[in-house]
Amino acid sequence: MFGRKSDSQKAGPGQQPASTGDGEATADSTGASFDPRRAEQKKNRPTPKRSEQVARNQRPLVPGDRKAADKRAREEMRRRRDESRVGVMNGDERYLGPRDAGPQRRYIRDYVDARFSIGELFIPIALVVLLAGMFGGEQWAMIANFVVYGLILLIVLDSVVLCVLLRGRLKAKFGEDSLQRGTNFYAIMRAVQIRRLRVPKPLVKRREYPA
């Protein structure tokens, strides 16, 4: 008559009977299942570091694609660098820096390259005089000093003539009010360089002065 109630009858209306068997899922008061085997596996596995997770997420799916992409990027960078170097040597305005860009700078380069400047001889003569002074004795050293001083004086005089003539041409072509600053220094620095080593390279021949 007054027998014991079964476990299903003792459980409340919002509860599910829990299983006591090993490896079987159980339910909590909210009804969510709980797998003890999965929890045990997670507990025995070390927690990965954040750097490892980021590296794993950034790892490409196919390693070969990443290497090919890097190779293409290096080739494209090399191609652009070579194109820029060629453009600078040829005086292409797209690749020139602020020092060399502009029509006035182009006019100065063409005018300096069209004339012969004494400054072009400074480096070769200075090198010969230096060697002669080092290995020729005291007398040759004294002669070398006079040659160097005389060459410097000639370069200064030639630079003054260059600046006067060039400034007159720039005023006539571009107007006195629109002249850029530093034109004299730019012309002198190009005039004292060896013609073949000038950057951008000369685009006119000797005595082929710009209009």
N, C-alpha and C. Protein backbone atom coordinates (compact mmCIF):
# COMPACT_ATOMS: atom_id res chain seq x y z
N MET A 1 0.83 -1.19 0.00
CA MET A 1 0.00 0.00 0.00
C MET A 1 0.86 1.24 0.00
N PHE A 2 1.74 1.36 1.05
CA PHE A 2 2.58 2.58 1.15
C PHE A 2 3.99 2.27 0.67
N GLY A 3 4.13 1.84 -0.55
CA GLY A 3 5.46 1.52 -1.10
C GLY A 3 6.26 2.77 -1.39
N ARG A 4 7.58 2.54 -1.60
CA ARG A 4 8.44 3.70 -1.91
C ARG A 4 8.18 4.21 -3.32
N LYS A 5 8.29 5.54 -3.43
CA LYS A 5 8.13 6.15 -4.74
C LYS A 5 9.39 5.95 -5.58
N SER A 6 9.18 5.77 -6.81
CA SER A 6 10.34 5.59 -7.71
C SER A 6 11.08 6.91 -7.88
N ASP A 7 12.30 6.78 -8.43
CA ASP A 7 13.12 7.99 -8.62
C ASP A 7 12.48 8.96 -9.57
N SER A 8 11.73 8.44 -10.51
CA SER A 8 11.07 9.35 -11.46
C SER A 8 9.94 10.11 -10.81
N GLN A 9 9.32 9.51 -9.80
CA GLN A 9 8.26 10.21 -9.10
C GLN A 9 8.82 11.22 -8.12
N LYS A 10 10.02 10.93 -7.52
CA LYS A 10 10.63 11.87 -6.58
C LYS A 10 11.13 13.12 -7.27
N ALA A 11 11.55 13.01 -8.53
CA ALA A 11 12.10 14.17 -9.23
C ALA A 11 11.03 15.20 -9.46
N GLY A 12 11.39 16.42 -9.34
CA GLY A 12 10.45 17.50 -9.51
C GLY A 12 10.01 17.63 -10.95
N PRO A 13 9.06 18.50 -11.22
CA PRO A 13 8.57 18.66 -12.60
C PRO A 13 9.59 19.26 -13.53
N GLY A 14 10.59 20.08 -13.02
CA GLY A 14 11.60 20.72 -13.88
C GLY A 14 12.90 20.00 -13.91
N GLN A 15 13.03 18.79 -13.37
CA GLN A 15 14.27 18.06 -13.28
C GLN A 15 14.21 16.79 -14.10
N GLN A 16 15.41 16.39 -14.60
CA GLN A 16 15.52 15.16 -15.35
C GLN A 16 16.29 14.16 -14.51
N PRO A 17 15.98 12.92 -14.60
CA PRO A 17 16.70 11.90 -13.83
C PRO A 17 18.14 11.84 -14.26
N ALA A 18 19.07 11.80 -13.28
CA ALA A 18 20.50 11.74 -13.55
C ALA A 18 20.93 10.32 -13.70
N SER A 19 21.83 10.08 -14.62
CA SER A 19 22.34 8.73 -14.84
C SER A 19 23.60 8.55 -14.03
N THR A 20 23.70 7.44 -13.37
CA THR A 20 24.86 7.15 -12.52
C THR A 20 25.85 6.25 -13.19
N GLY A 21 25.59 5.88 -14.45
CA GLY A 21 26.53 5.01 -15.14
C GLY A 21 27.76 5.76 -15.57
N ASP A 22 28.89 5.06 -15.66
CA ASP A 22 30.15 5.69 -16.06
C ASP A 22 30.13 6.00 -17.54
N GLY A 23 30.59 7.25 -17.87
CA GLY A 23 30.73 7.62 -19.28
C GLY A 23 29.44 8.05 -19.91
N GLU A 24 28.35 8.16 -19.15
CA GLU A 24 27.09 8.58 -19.72
C GLU A 24 26.83 10.03 -19.37
N ALA A 25 26.10 10.72 -20.23
CA ALA A 25 25.81 12.13 -20.02
C ALA A 25 24.82 12.29 -18.90
N THR A 26 24.97 13.33 -18.13
CA THR A 26 24.06 13.68 -17.06
C THR A 26 23.47 15.03 -17.34
N ALA A 27 22.43 15.36 -16.65
CA ALA A 27 21.75 16.64 -16.85
C ALA A 27 21.71 17.39 -15.55
N ASP A 28 21.89 18.72 -15.62
CA ASP A 28 21.82 19.54 -14.43
C ASP A 28 20.43 20.10 -14.28
N SER A 29 20.28 21.04 -13.37
CA SER A 29 18.96 21.60 -13.09
C SER A 29 18.40 22.37 -14.26
N THR A 30 19.25 22.88 -15.17
CA THR A 30 18.77 23.66 -16.32
C THR A 30 18.45 22.78 -17.51
N GLY A 31 18.80 21.51 -17.43
CA GLY A 31 18.50 20.62 -18.53
C GLY A 31 19.64 20.42 -19.49
N ALA A 32 20.82 21.12 -19.28
CA ALA A 32 21.95 20.99 -20.18
C ALA A 32 22.68 19.70 -19.90
N SER A 33 23.11 19.04 -20.96
CA SER A 33 23.81 17.76 -20.79
C SER A 33 25.25 18.00 -20.41
N PHE A 34 25.83 17.09 -19.69
CA PHE A 34 27.21 17.20 -19.22
C PHE A 34 27.90 15.88 -19.46
N ASP A 35 28.98 15.93 -20.26
CA ASP A 35 29.72 14.72 -20.59
C ASP A 35 30.99 14.69 -19.77
N PRO A 36 31.14 13.78 -18.82
CA PRO A 36 32.35 13.75 -17.99
C PRO A 36 33.59 13.38 -18.76
N ARG A 37 33.47 12.57 -19.82
CA ARG A 37 34.67 12.19 -20.58
C ARG A 37 35.26 13.40 -21.30
N ARG A 38 34.37 14.25 -21.88
CA ARG A 38 34.86 15.44 -22.57
C ARG A 38 35.51 16.41 -21.58
N ALA A 39 34.94 16.57 -20.42
CA ALA A 39 35.52 17.45 -19.41
C ALA A 39 36.87 16.93 -18.94
N GLU A 40 37.01 15.62 -18.85
CA GLU A 40 38.29 15.05 -18.42
C GLU A 40 39.36 15.27 -19.48
N GLN A 41 38.98 15.15 -20.77
CA GLN A 41 39.94 15.39 -21.84
C GLN A 41 40.41 16.84 -21.84
N LYS A 42 39.48 17.78 -21.64
CA LYS A 42 39.87 19.19 -21.60
C LYS A 42 40.75 19.49 -20.41
N LYS A 43 40.52 18.84 -19.31
CA LYS A 43 41.30 19.10 -18.11
C LYS A 43 42.74 18.62 -18.28
N ASN A 44 42.95 17.47 -18.98
CA ASN A 44 44.29 16.92 -19.14
C ASN A 44 45.08 17.62 -20.24
N ARG A 45 44.44 18.43 -21.08
CA ARG A 45 45.13 19.11 -22.17
C ARG A 45 45.62 20.48 -21.71
N PRO A 46 46.92 20.83 -21.93
CA PRO A 46 47.41 22.15 -21.48
C PRO A 46 46.77 23.27 -22.28
N THR A 47 46.54 24.38 -21.62
CA THR A 47 45.94 25.53 -22.29
C THR A 47 46.95 26.18 -23.23
N PRO A 48 46.64 26.34 -24.54
CA PRO A 48 47.61 26.93 -25.47
C PRO A 48 47.85 28.41 -25.17
N LYS A 49 49.09 28.86 -25.48
CA LYS A 49 49.43 30.26 -25.27
C LYS A 49 48.77 31.13 -26.34
N ARG A 50 48.67 32.41 -26.03
CA ARG A 50 48.03 33.33 -26.98
C ARG A 50 48.85 33.47 -28.26
N SER A 51 50.19 33.48 -28.12
CA SER A 51 51.03 33.60 -29.31
C SER A 51 50.87 32.39 -30.21
N GLU A 52 50.71 31.20 -29.60
CA GLU A 52 50.52 30.00 -30.41
C GLU A 52 49.18 30.04 -31.14
N GLN A 53 48.16 30.56 -30.48
CA GLN A 53 46.86 30.66 -31.13
C GLN A 53 46.90 31.64 -32.30
N VAL A 54 47.58 32.78 -32.11
CA VAL A 54 47.69 33.76 -33.19
C VAL A 54 48.47 33.20 -34.36
N ALA A 55 49.60 32.51 -34.06
CA ALA A 55 50.40 31.92 -35.12
C ALA A 55 49.62 30.84 -35.87
N ARG A 56 48.83 30.07 -35.13
CA ARG A 56 48.04 29.03 -35.78
C ARG A 56 46.96 29.63 -36.67
N ASN A 57 46.38 30.75 -36.24
CA ASN A 57 45.36 31.40 -37.05
C ASN A 57 45.93 32.06 -38.29
N GLN A 58 47.18 32.55 -38.19
CA GLN A 58 47.81 33.22 -39.32
C GLN A 58 48.52 32.25 -40.26
N ARG A 59 48.61 31.02 -39.91
CA ARG A 59 49.30 30.05 -40.75
C ARG A 59 48.52 29.81 -42.02
N PRO A 60 49.14 29.92 -43.20
CA PRO A 60 48.40 29.74 -44.45
C PRO A 60 47.92 28.31 -44.61
N LEU A 61 46.81 28.17 -45.30
CA LEU A 61 46.26 26.84 -45.54
C LEU A 61 47.20 26.01 -46.39
N VAL A 62 47.82 26.63 -47.39
CA VAL A 62 48.75 25.92 -48.26
C VAL A 62 50.09 26.65 -48.18
N PRO A 63 51.13 26.04 -47.58
CA PRO A 63 52.42 26.74 -47.44
C PRO A 63 53.01 27.16 -48.77
N GLY A 64 52.78 26.40 -49.82
CA GLY A 64 53.35 26.74 -51.11
C GLY A 64 52.83 28.05 -51.65
N ASP A 65 51.56 28.37 -51.37
CA ASP A 65 50.98 29.64 -51.83
C ASP A 65 51.66 30.82 -51.17
N ARG A 66 52.01 30.69 -49.90
CA ARG A 66 52.68 31.80 -49.19
C ARG A 66 54.07 32.04 -49.78
N LYS A 67 54.80 30.97 -50.08
CA LYS A 67 56.13 31.15 -50.66
C LYS A 67 56.05 31.76 -52.05
N ALA A 68 55.08 31.33 -52.81
CA ALA A 68 54.92 31.90 -54.15
C ALA A 68 54.54 33.37 -54.07
N ALA A 69 53.68 33.72 -53.11
CA ALA A 69 53.29 35.12 -52.96
C ALA A 69 54.48 35.98 -52.54
N ASP A 70 55.32 35.49 -51.62
CA ASP A 70 56.51 36.23 -51.21
C ASP A 70 57.47 36.41 -52.38
N LYS A 71 57.62 35.39 -53.19
CA LYS A 71 58.51 35.48 -54.33
C LYS A 71 58.00 36.51 -55.33
N ARG A 72 56.69 36.51 -55.58
CA ARG A 72 56.12 37.49 -56.50
C ARG A 72 56.28 38.91 -55.95
N ALA A 73 56.13 39.07 -54.62
CA ALA A 73 56.29 40.39 -54.02
C ALA A 73 57.73 40.88 -54.15
N ARG A 74 58.71 39.99 -53.94
CA ARG A 74 60.11 40.39 -54.09
C ARG A 74 60.43 40.76 -55.54
N GLU A 75 59.90 39.99 -56.48
CA GLU A 75 60.15 40.30 -57.88
C GLU A 75 59.51 41.63 -58.27
N GLU A 76 58.32 41.90 -57.76
CA GLU A 76 57.66 43.17 -58.06
C GLU A 76 58.43 44.34 -57.46
N MET A 77 58.95 44.17 -56.23
CA MET A 77 59.74 45.22 -55.61
C MET A 77 61.04 45.46 -56.38
N ARG A 78 61.67 44.40 -56.83
CA ARG A 78 62.90 44.54 -57.60
C ARG A 78 62.62 45.23 -58.94
N ARG A 79 61.50 44.89 -59.55
CA ARG A 79 61.15 45.52 -60.83
C ARG A 79 60.90 47.01 -60.65
N ARG A 80 60.19 47.38 -59.60
CA ARG A 80 59.92 48.80 -59.35
C ARG A 80 61.20 49.56 -59.03
N ARG A 81 62.11 48.92 -58.27
CA ARG A 81 63.37 49.59 -57.93
C ARG A 81 64.21 49.82 -59.19
N ASP A 82 64.27 48.83 -60.06
CA ASP A 82 65.02 48.99 -61.30
C ASP A 82 64.37 50.05 -62.20
N GLU A 83 63.05 50.05 -62.23
CA GLU A 83 62.35 51.05 -63.04
C GLU A 83 62.59 52.45 -62.51
N SER A 84 62.61 52.60 -61.19
CA SER A 84 62.86 53.91 -60.59
C SER A 84 64.29 54.36 -60.88
N ARG A 85 65.25 53.45 -60.80
CA ARG A 85 66.64 53.84 -61.06
C ARG A 85 66.83 54.28 -62.50
N VAL A 86 66.23 53.55 -63.43
CA VAL A 86 66.33 53.93 -64.83
C VAL A 86 65.64 55.27 -65.08
N GLY A 87 64.49 55.47 -64.42
CA GLY A 87 63.79 56.74 -64.57
C GLY A 87 64.59 57.92 -64.06
N VAL A 88 65.27 57.74 -62.93
CA VAL A 88 66.11 58.83 -62.40
C VAL A 88 67.28 59.12 -63.33
N MET A 89 67.92 58.09 -63.84
CA MET A 89 69.06 58.28 -64.73
C MET A 89 68.64 58.99 -66.03
N ASN A 90 67.43 58.72 -66.50
CA ASN A 90 66.95 59.33 -67.74
C ASN A 90 66.27 60.67 -67.50
N GLY A 91 66.19 61.12 -66.25
CA GLY A 91 65.57 62.41 -65.97
C GLY A 91 64.06 62.40 -66.07
N ASP A 92 63.44 61.25 -65.86
CA ASP A 92 61.97 61.16 -65.90
C ASP A 92 61.40 61.87 -64.68
N GLU A 93 60.52 62.83 -64.91
CA GLU A 93 59.97 63.63 -63.82
C GLU A 93 59.18 62.80 -62.81
N ARG A 94 58.67 61.65 -63.22
CA ARG A 94 57.88 60.81 -62.31
C ARG A 94 58.73 60.20 -61.21
N TYR A 95 60.03 60.09 -61.43
CA TYR A 95 60.90 59.42 -60.47
C TYR A 95 61.91 60.35 -59.81
N LEU A 96 61.95 61.60 -60.21
CA LEU A 96 62.92 62.54 -59.66
C LEU A 96 62.46 63.05 -58.31
N GLY A 97 63.43 63.34 -57.44
CA GLY A 97 63.13 63.90 -56.14
C GLY A 97 62.95 65.41 -56.21
N PRO A 98 62.64 66.03 -55.09
CA PRO A 98 62.43 67.49 -55.09
C PRO A 98 63.65 68.29 -55.55
N ARG A 99 64.85 67.75 -55.35
CA ARG A 99 66.05 68.49 -55.74
C ARG A 99 66.19 68.60 -57.25
N ASP A 100 65.79 67.57 -57.99
CA ASP A 100 66.01 67.52 -59.44
C ASP A 100 64.75 67.74 -60.26
N ALA A 101 63.59 67.77 -59.63
CA ALA A 101 62.35 67.86 -60.38
C ALA A 101 62.06 69.30 -60.80
N GLY A 102 61.34 69.44 -61.88
CA GLY A 102 60.92 70.76 -62.32
C GLY A 102 61.60 71.20 -63.61
N PRO A 103 60.96 72.07 -64.38
CA PRO A 103 61.55 72.52 -65.65
C PRO A 103 62.81 73.37 -65.47
N GLN A 104 62.89 74.13 -64.39
CA GLN A 104 64.09 74.94 -64.18
C GLN A 104 65.30 74.07 -63.90
N ARG A 105 65.12 73.02 -63.10
CA ARG A 105 66.23 72.10 -62.83
C ARG A 105 66.67 71.40 -64.11
N ARG A 106 65.71 71.05 -64.92
CA ARG A 106 66.04 70.40 -66.21
C ARG A 106 66.83 71.37 -67.10
N TYR A 107 66.43 72.61 -67.11
CA TYR A 107 67.14 73.60 -67.93
C TYR A 107 68.57 73.78 -67.41
N ILE A 108 68.75 73.83 -66.10
CA ILE A 108 70.10 73.99 -65.53
C ILE A 108 70.98 72.81 -65.89
N ARG A 109 70.43 71.60 -65.79
CA ARG A 109 71.23 70.41 -66.12
C ARG A 109 71.66 70.43 -67.58
N ASP A 110 70.73 70.79 -68.46
CA ASP A 110 71.07 70.81 -69.89
C ASP A 110 72.10 71.89 -70.20
N TYR A 111 72.00 73.03 -69.55
CA TYR A 111 72.97 74.10 -69.82
C TYR A 111 74.36 73.72 -69.30
N VAL A 112 74.41 73.16 -68.09
CA VAL A 112 75.71 72.77 -67.53
C VAL A 112 76.33 71.64 -68.33
N ASP A 113 75.52 70.69 -68.78
CA ASP A 113 76.05 69.56 -69.55
C ASP A 113 76.49 69.98 -70.94
N ALA A 114 75.94 71.07 -71.46
CA ALA A 114 76.31 71.51 -72.80
C ALA A 114 77.65 72.25 -72.83
N ARG A 115 78.08 72.82 -71.73
CA ARG A 115 79.33 73.56 -71.69
C ARG A 115 80.43 72.74 -71.02
N PHE A 116 81.67 73.14 -71.27
CA PHE A 116 82.79 72.51 -70.59
C PHE A 116 83.12 73.31 -69.34
N SER A 117 83.19 72.64 -68.20
CA SER A 117 83.49 73.29 -66.93
C SER A 117 84.85 72.81 -66.43
N ILE A 118 85.60 73.73 -65.89
CA ILE A 118 86.92 73.37 -65.35
C ILE A 118 86.78 72.44 -64.15
N GLY A 119 85.65 72.54 -63.48
CA GLY A 119 85.43 71.67 -62.33
C GLY A 119 85.43 70.19 -62.67
N GLU A 120 85.15 69.85 -63.93
CA GLU A 120 85.19 68.45 -64.34
C GLU A 120 86.59 67.84 -64.20
N LEU A 121 87.60 68.68 -64.27
CA LEU A 121 88.98 68.20 -64.19
C LEU A 121 89.51 68.14 -62.77
N PHE A 122 88.74 68.61 -61.82
CA PHE A 122 89.27 68.72 -60.46
C PHE A 122 89.61 67.34 -59.87
N ILE A 123 88.70 66.42 -59.93
CA ILE A 123 88.93 65.11 -59.31
C ILE A 123 90.08 64.36 -59.99
N PRO A 124 90.12 64.24 -61.34
CA PRO A 124 91.28 63.54 -61.95
C PRO A 124 92.61 64.21 -61.66
N ILE A 125 92.66 65.56 -61.80
CA ILE A 125 93.93 66.25 -61.56
C ILE A 125 94.33 66.16 -60.09
N ALA A 126 93.38 66.30 -59.19
CA ALA A 126 93.69 66.20 -57.77
C ALA A 126 94.24 64.83 -57.42
N LEU A 127 93.71 63.78 -58.04
CA LEU A 127 94.22 62.43 -57.77
C LEU A 127 95.65 62.26 -58.26
N VAL A 128 95.93 62.77 -59.48
CA VAL A 128 97.30 62.67 -60.02
C VAL A 128 98.27 63.48 -59.17
N VAL A 129 97.86 64.68 -58.77
CA VAL A 129 98.73 65.53 -57.97
C VAL A 129 98.98 64.90 -56.60
N LEU A 130 97.97 64.27 -56.04
CA LEU A 130 98.15 63.63 -54.74
C LEU A 130 99.16 62.49 -54.81
N LEU A 131 99.08 61.68 -55.86
CA LEU A 131 100.04 60.58 -56.02
C LEU A 131 101.45 61.11 -56.27
N ALA A 132 101.54 62.17 -57.06
CA ALA A 132 102.86 62.75 -57.33
C ALA A 132 103.46 63.34 -56.07
N GLY A 133 102.65 63.96 -55.24
CA GLY A 133 103.17 64.52 -54.01
C GLY A 133 103.58 63.46 -53.00
N MET A 134 102.92 62.32 -53.02
CA MET A 134 103.24 61.25 -52.05
C MET A 134 104.50 60.51 -52.43
N PHE A 135 104.72 60.28 -53.72
CA PHE A 135 105.85 59.43 -54.15
C PHE A 135 106.92 60.21 -54.91
N GLY A 136 106.74 61.50 -55.11
CA GLY A 136 107.72 62.26 -55.89
C GLY A 136 108.71 63.06 -55.08
N GLY A 137 108.59 63.02 -53.79
CA GLY A 137 109.52 63.76 -52.96
C GLY A 137 108.97 65.13 -52.58
N GLU A 138 109.83 65.89 -51.87
CA GLU A 138 109.41 67.20 -51.35
C GLU A 138 109.18 68.20 -52.47
N GLN A 139 109.99 68.16 -53.50
CA GLN A 139 109.84 69.11 -54.60
C GLN A 139 108.52 68.90 -55.33
N TRP A 140 108.17 67.66 -55.60
CA TRP A 140 106.91 67.36 -56.27
C TRP A 140 105.72 67.70 -55.39
N ALA A 141 105.87 67.54 -54.10
CA ALA A 141 104.80 67.89 -53.18
C ALA A 141 104.51 69.39 -53.22
N MET A 142 105.57 70.20 -53.31
CA MET A 142 105.38 71.65 -53.39
C MET A 142 104.70 72.03 -54.71
N ILE A 143 105.13 71.40 -55.79
CA ILE A 143 104.51 71.67 -57.09
C ILE A 143 103.04 71.25 -57.08
N ALA A 144 102.76 70.13 -56.44
CA ALA A 144 101.38 69.64 -56.36
C ALA A 144 100.49 70.63 -55.62
N ASN A 145 101.01 71.23 -54.56
CA ASN A 145 100.22 72.20 -53.81
C ASN A 145 99.88 73.42 -54.68
N PHE A 146 100.85 73.92 -55.44
CA PHE A 146 100.59 75.07 -56.31
C PHE A 146 99.56 74.71 -57.39
N VAL A 147 99.65 73.49 -57.91
CA VAL A 147 98.70 73.07 -58.95
C VAL A 147 97.29 73.00 -58.40
N VAL A 148 97.15 72.45 -57.20
CA VAL A 148 95.82 72.31 -56.60
C VAL A 148 95.23 73.68 -56.29
N TYR A 149 96.04 74.57 -55.72
CA TYR A 149 95.54 75.92 -55.41
C TYR A 149 95.15 76.69 -56.67
N GLY A 150 95.95 76.54 -57.71
CA GLY A 150 95.63 77.21 -58.97
C GLY A 150 94.36 76.64 -59.60
N LEU A 151 94.18 75.33 -59.49
CA LEU A 151 92.98 74.70 -60.04
C LEU A 151 91.73 75.16 -59.29
N ILE A 152 91.84 75.26 -57.98
CA ILE A 152 90.69 75.73 -57.19
C ILE A 152 90.32 77.16 -57.57
N LEU A 153 91.33 77.99 -57.78
CA LEU A 153 91.05 79.37 -58.19
C LEU A 153 90.35 79.43 -59.53
N LEU A 154 90.79 78.61 -60.48
CA LEU A 154 90.14 78.57 -61.78
C LEU A 154 88.70 78.07 -61.68
N ILE A 155 88.47 77.11 -60.81
CA ILE A 155 87.11 76.59 -60.63
C ILE A 155 86.19 77.66 -60.07
N VAL A 156 86.70 78.44 -59.12
CA VAL A 156 85.89 79.51 -58.54
C VAL A 156 85.53 80.54 -59.61
N LEU A 157 86.50 80.95 -60.41
CA LEU A 157 86.22 81.92 -61.47
C LEU A 157 85.23 81.36 -62.49
N ASP A 158 85.40 80.10 -62.87
CA ASP A 158 84.50 79.48 -63.83
C ASP A 158 83.09 79.35 -63.27
N SER A 159 82.99 79.09 -61.97
CA SER A 159 81.67 78.98 -61.34
C SER A 159 80.95 80.32 -61.33
N VAL A 160 81.71 81.41 -61.10
CA VAL A 160 81.10 82.74 -61.12
C VAL A 160 80.56 83.06 -62.52
N VAL A 161 81.35 82.76 -63.53
CA VAL A 161 80.89 82.99 -64.91
C VAL A 161 79.66 82.15 -65.22
N LEU A 162 79.69 80.90 -64.78
CA LEU A 162 78.56 80.01 -65.01
C LEU A 162 77.27 80.54 -64.38
N CYS A 163 77.36 81.00 -63.15
CA CYS A 163 76.17 81.48 -62.44
C CYS A 163 75.61 82.75 -63.08
N VAL A 164 76.51 83.64 -63.52
CA VAL A 164 76.05 84.89 -64.15
C VAL A 164 75.33 84.60 -65.46
N LEU A 165 75.95 83.78 -66.32
CA LEU A 165 75.34 83.47 -67.60
C LEU A 165 74.04 82.68 -67.44
N LEU A 166 74.07 81.73 -66.53
CA LEU A 166 72.88 80.89 -66.35
C LEU A 166 71.72 81.67 -65.75
N ARG A 167 72.01 82.54 -64.81
CA ARG A 167 70.93 83.32 -64.20
C ARG A 167 70.26 84.24 -65.22
N GLY A 168 71.06 84.81 -66.13
CA GLY A 168 70.47 85.63 -67.17
C GLY A 168 69.54 84.82 -68.08
N ARG A 169 69.94 83.60 -68.40
CA ARG A 169 69.09 82.75 -69.23
C ARG A 169 67.82 82.34 -68.50
N LEU A 170 67.92 82.03 -67.21
CA LEU A 170 66.75 81.64 -66.44
C LEU A 170 65.74 82.78 -66.32
N LYS A 171 66.24 84.00 -66.11
CA LYS A 171 65.34 85.15 -66.03
C LYS A 171 64.62 85.38 -67.35
N ALA A 172 65.35 85.21 -68.45
CA ALA A 172 64.72 85.43 -69.75
C ALA A 172 63.69 84.36 -70.09
N LYS A 173 63.88 83.17 -69.60
CA LYS A 173 62.98 82.07 -69.96
C LYS A 173 61.82 81.91 -68.98
N PHE A 174 62.11 82.00 -67.68
CA PHE A 174 61.09 81.72 -66.66
C PHE A 174 60.61 82.96 -65.92
N GLY A 175 61.30 84.08 -66.08
CA GLY A 175 60.91 85.28 -65.34
C GLY A 175 61.67 85.40 -64.03
N GLU A 176 62.00 86.62 -63.68
CA GLU A 176 62.82 86.83 -62.48
C GLU A 176 62.07 86.47 -61.20
N ASP A 177 60.76 86.70 -61.17
CA ASP A 177 59.99 86.46 -59.96
C ASP A 177 59.72 84.98 -59.70
N SER A 178 59.87 84.14 -60.70
CA SER A 178 59.54 82.72 -60.56
C SER A 178 60.77 81.83 -60.43
N LEU A 179 61.95 82.41 -60.24
CA LEU A 179 63.16 81.60 -60.13
C LEU A 179 63.18 80.83 -58.81
N GLN A 180 63.58 79.60 -58.87
CA GLN A 180 63.69 78.77 -57.67
C GLN A 180 64.94 79.14 -56.88
N ARG A 181 64.90 78.84 -55.61
CA ARG A 181 66.07 79.09 -54.76
C ARG A 181 67.09 77.97 -54.95
N GLY A 182 68.36 78.33 -54.78
CA GLY A 182 69.41 77.33 -54.85
C GLY A 182 69.85 76.97 -56.26
N THR A 183 69.51 77.80 -57.25
CA THR A 183 69.90 77.47 -58.63
C THR A 183 71.42 77.53 -58.82
N ASN A 184 72.08 78.52 -58.21
CA ASN A 184 73.53 78.63 -58.36
C ASN A 184 74.25 77.43 -57.75
N PHE A 185 73.84 77.05 -56.55
CA PHE A 185 74.48 75.91 -55.89
C PHE A 185 74.24 74.63 -56.68
N TYR A 186 73.03 74.47 -57.21
CA TYR A 186 72.72 73.27 -57.99
C TYR A 186 73.58 73.19 -59.24
N ALA A 187 73.77 74.33 -59.90
CA ALA A 187 74.57 74.35 -61.12
C ALA A 187 76.05 74.08 -60.82
N ILE A 188 76.57 74.66 -59.74
CA ILE A 188 77.99 74.46 -59.41
C ILE A 188 78.26 73.01 -59.02
N MET A 189 77.37 72.42 -58.22
CA MET A 189 77.58 71.04 -57.80
C MET A 189 77.56 70.08 -58.99
N ARG A 190 76.76 70.39 -60.00
CA ARG A 190 76.75 69.53 -61.17
C ARG A 190 77.97 69.80 -62.06
N ALA A 191 78.43 71.04 -62.08
CA ALA A 191 79.56 71.38 -62.94
C ALA A 191 80.87 70.76 -62.46
N VAL A 192 81.03 70.55 -61.16
CA VAL A 192 82.28 70.00 -60.64
C VAL A 192 82.31 68.47 -60.68
N GLN A 193 81.23 67.85 -61.14
CA GLN A 193 81.20 66.39 -61.25
C GLN A 193 81.70 65.95 -62.62
N ILE A 194 82.26 64.75 -62.66
CA ILE A 194 82.65 64.20 -63.96
C ILE A 194 81.39 63.96 -64.79
N ARG A 195 81.46 64.29 -66.04
CA ARG A 195 80.28 64.26 -66.89
C ARG A 195 79.61 62.88 -66.90
N ARG A 196 80.37 61.84 -66.99
CA ARG A 196 79.80 60.49 -67.07
C ARG A 196 79.18 60.03 -65.76
N LEU A 197 79.53 60.66 -64.66
CA LEU A 197 79.03 60.25 -63.36
C LEU A 197 77.87 61.11 -62.87
N ARG A 198 77.39 62.00 -63.66
CA ARG A 198 76.31 62.88 -63.24
C ARG A 198 74.97 62.14 -63.22
N VAL A 199 74.19 62.47 -62.21
CA VAL A 199 72.85 61.88 -62.04
C VAL A 199 71.86 63.01 -61.85
N PRO A 200 70.82 63.09 -62.71
CA PRO A 200 70.55 62.29 -63.92
C PRO A 200 71.65 62.47 -64.97
N LYS A 201 71.75 61.49 -65.84
CA LYS A 201 72.82 61.52 -66.83
C LYS A 201 72.55 62.63 -67.85
N PRO A 202 73.61 63.16 -68.48
CA PRO A 202 73.43 64.22 -69.48
C PRO A 202 72.61 63.73 -70.66
N LEU A 203 71.67 64.56 -71.08
CA LEU A 203 70.79 64.24 -72.21
C LEU A 203 71.09 65.09 -73.43
N VAL A 204 72.06 65.99 -73.33
CA VAL A 204 72.45 66.83 -74.45
C VAL A 204 73.94 66.65 -74.72
N LYS A 205 74.34 67.01 -75.91
CA LYS A 205 75.76 66.93 -76.28
C LYS A 205 76.46 68.26 -75.94
N ARG A 206 77.76 68.26 -76.14
CA ARG A 206 78.52 69.49 -75.93
C ARG A 206 78.06 70.58 -76.88
N ARG A 207 77.92 71.79 -76.32
CA ARG A 207 77.50 72.98 -77.07
C ARG A 207 76.07 72.86 -77.58
N GLU A 208 75.32 71.93 -77.09
CA GLU A 208 73.91 71.82 -77.46
C GLU A 208 73.08 72.49 -76.36
N TYR A 209 73.15 73.80 -76.31
CA TYR A 209 72.51 74.58 -75.24
C TYR A 209 70.99 74.59 -75.38
N PRO A 210 70.27 74.57 -74.28
CA PRO A 210 68.80 74.62 -74.37
C PRO A 210 68.34 76.01 -74.81
N ALA A 211 67.19 76.03 -75.45
CA ALA A 211 66.66 77.30 -75.97
C ALA A 211 66.11 78.17 -74.83
